[in-house]
Amino acid sequence: MASGNARPKPTRTFAQSGVIACRNKSGKLRILLITSRRSKRWVIPKGMVAKDTTADESAAKEAWEEAGARGDVSPVALGAYTYEKWGGVCHVEVFSMNVEELADTWPEDHFRTREWVDPRTAIKRVREPELRDIIAGIVTSHEAKT
């Protein structure tokens, strides 16, 4: 029998996509993190996958709206992570972006702060263990290439 303190399991799943926006400057990999709108914790750009849009296209759109970043987004996901929100579970497919342009102003610049950080700092700042693992995979891949 379930405990009186047990939380009910979420029944809805929300499809989201996000992007790990990267740049390689003088052989040093940097990852662009942004703050969430409400709690101001460090996150990656992400959002709901819009109808009639692929997950990687949606990730590119979120990178622009939330971080002012544009660039090449890989059509193949690096991985995925989940978190609870809106009484359900958000399943986030994560793509990589090679940032080619970073705008001075962008749609959500008055809600968010952004910062380029080294991958190890990014791993420490993000909350979700699965997202940390995805970032660690980028580090391993980058180190293998250098």
Protein backbone atom coordinates (compact mmCIF):
# COMPACT_ATOMS: atom_id res chain seq x y z
CA MET A 1 0.00 0.00 0.00
CA ALA A 2 1.23 3.51 -0.82
CA SER A 3 2.44 5.78 1.94
CA GLY A 4 0.38 8.86 2.73
CA ASN A 5 3.45 10.96 1.93
CA ALA A 6 4.05 9.48 -1.52
CA ARG A 7 3.63 11.90 -4.39
CA PRO A 8 1.40 10.72 -7.22
CA LYS A 9 3.30 9.86 -10.39
CA PRO A 10 2.91 12.42 -13.17
CA THR A 11 0.68 11.20 -15.97
CA ARG A 12 1.45 13.68 -18.77
CA THR A 13 4.59 13.83 -20.85
CA PHE A 14 5.71 17.01 -22.59
CA ALA A 15 8.08 16.85 -25.57
CA GLN A 16 10.81 19.45 -25.36
CA SER A 17 14.12 20.04 -27.06
CA GLY A 18 17.16 21.96 -25.98
CA VAL A 19 20.58 22.92 -27.18
CA ILE A 20 24.05 22.84 -25.74
CA ALA A 21 25.48 25.90 -27.46
CA CYS A 22 29.26 25.59 -27.88
CA ARG A 23 32.18 27.52 -29.24
CA ASN A 24 35.80 26.54 -29.59
CA LYS A 25 38.07 29.51 -29.05
CA SER A 26 41.82 28.91 -29.37
CA GLY A 27 41.30 25.21 -28.72
CA LYS A 28 39.25 25.83 -25.57
CA LEU A 29 35.68 24.54 -25.53
CA ARG A 30 33.08 26.86 -23.99
CA ILE A 31 29.40 26.22 -23.32
CA LEU A 32 26.73 28.92 -23.20
CA LEU A 33 24.47 28.67 -20.15
CA ILE A 34 21.47 30.87 -19.43
CA THR A 35 19.44 31.56 -16.32
CA SER A 36 15.90 30.26 -16.00
CA ARG A 37 13.19 32.91 -16.01
CA ARG A 38 11.89 32.39 -12.48
CA SER A 39 14.46 30.70 -10.25
CA LYS A 40 17.51 32.12 -12.07
CA ARG A 41 19.31 28.78 -11.88
CA TRP A 42 21.66 27.86 -14.72
CA VAL A 43 20.08 25.91 -17.59
CA ILE A 44 20.41 25.34 -21.33
CA PRO A 45 18.05 26.92 -23.86
CA LYS A 46 15.05 24.61 -24.23
CA GLY A 47 11.33 24.60 -24.80
CA MET A 48 8.32 22.77 -26.15
CA VAL A 49 8.65 21.21 -29.58
CA ALA A 50 6.18 23.13 -31.72
CA LYS A 51 3.71 21.34 -33.93
CA ASP A 52 5.05 20.80 -37.47
CA THR A 53 8.62 21.45 -36.26
CA THR A 54 11.42 18.94 -35.80
CA ALA A 55 13.09 18.73 -32.40
CA ASP A 56 16.39 20.13 -33.73
CA GLU A 57 14.59 23.05 -35.44
CA SER A 58 12.79 23.78 -32.19
CA ALA A 59 16.10 23.66 -30.29
CA ALA A 60 17.59 26.22 -32.70
CA LYS A 61 14.57 28.49 -32.18
CA GLU A 62 14.93 28.26 -28.40
CA ALA A 63 18.66 29.07 -28.62
CA TRP A 64 17.78 32.28 -30.45
CA GLU A 65 14.84 33.31 -28.25
CA GLU A 66 16.42 32.46 -24.88
CA ALA A 67 20.14 33.09 -25.51
CA GLY A 68 20.47 35.15 -28.70
CA ALA A 69 22.58 32.39 -30.25
CA ARG A 70 22.50 31.25 -33.87
CA GLY A 71 24.51 28.54 -35.55
CA ASP A 72 24.58 25.01 -36.87
CA VAL A 73 22.47 22.55 -34.87
CA SER A 74 23.21 18.87 -35.27
CA PRO A 75 20.15 16.94 -36.50
CA VAL A 76 21.17 14.03 -34.23
CA ALA A 77 20.43 14.34 -30.51
CA LEU A 78 23.29 14.01 -28.04
CA GLY A 79 20.92 12.45 -25.53
CA ALA A 80 17.91 13.30 -23.42
CA TYR A 81 16.93 14.10 -19.86
CA THR A 82 13.70 14.41 -17.93
CA TYR A 83 12.35 16.65 -15.19
CA GLU A 84 8.97 17.22 -13.56
CA LYS A 85 6.95 20.33 -14.35
CA TRP A 86 3.31 21.32 -14.91
CA GLY A 87 2.10 18.18 -13.14
CA GLY A 88 3.85 15.98 -15.70
CA VAL A 89 7.23 14.92 -16.99
CA CYS A 90 9.17 16.94 -19.55
CA HIS A 91 11.32 14.80 -21.84
CA VAL A 92 14.05 17.00 -23.33
CA GLU A 93 16.01 15.90 -26.41
CA VAL A 94 19.36 17.70 -26.38
CA PHE A 95 21.21 18.81 -29.52
CA SER A 96 24.56 20.49 -30.01
CA MET A 97 24.97 23.88 -31.63
CA ASN A 98 28.17 25.37 -32.99
CA VAL A 99 27.51 29.05 -32.23
CA GLU A 100 28.32 31.32 -35.17
CA GLU A 101 26.54 34.47 -34.00
CA LEU A 102 25.72 35.86 -30.57
CA ALA A 103 23.39 38.86 -30.65
CA ASP A 104 23.71 41.84 -28.33
CA THR A 105 19.93 41.89 -27.94
CA TRP A 106 17.52 38.96 -28.26
CA PRO A 107 13.84 38.24 -27.49
CA GLU A 108 14.33 37.20 -23.83
CA ASP A 109 17.36 39.33 -22.91
CA HIS A 110 15.38 41.18 -20.24
CA PHE A 111 14.48 37.85 -18.52
CA ARG A 112 17.77 35.99 -18.71
CA THR A 113 21.48 36.24 -18.14
CA ARG A 114 23.89 34.23 -20.28
CA GLU A 115 27.48 33.23 -19.69
CA TRP A 116 30.17 31.29 -21.56
CA VAL A 117 31.71 28.75 -19.20
CA ASP A 118 34.15 25.89 -19.47
CA PRO A 119 32.47 22.45 -19.60
CA ARG A 120 33.45 21.46 -16.07
CA THR A 121 31.79 24.61 -14.71
CA ALA A 122 28.70 23.86 -16.81
CA ILE A 123 28.53 20.36 -15.30
CA LYS A 124 28.65 21.84 -11.79
CA ARG A 125 26.01 24.50 -12.51
CA VAL A 126 23.23 22.46 -14.14
CA ARG A 127 20.94 20.51 -11.84
CA GLU A 128 19.87 17.49 -13.89
CA PRO A 129 22.25 14.48 -13.61
CA GLU A 130 21.39 13.27 -17.14
CA LEU A 131 22.24 16.71 -18.57
CA ARG A 132 25.53 16.66 -16.67
CA ASP A 133 26.30 13.32 -18.33
CA ILE A 134 25.54 14.75 -21.79
CA ILE A 135 27.88 17.68 -21.18
CA ALA A 136 30.57 15.29 -19.92
CA GLY A 137 30.19 13.39 -23.20
CA ILE A 138 30.90 16.58 -25.13
CA VAL A 139 34.07 17.07 -23.07
CA THR A 140 35.23 13.54 -23.82
CA SER A 141 34.53 13.98 -27.54
CA HIS A 142 36.32 17.35 -27.63
CA GLU A 143 39.36 15.98 -25.79
CA ALA A 144 39.57 13.04 -28.19
CA LYS A 145 39.74 15.47 -31.14
CA THR A 146 42.53 17.62 -29.66
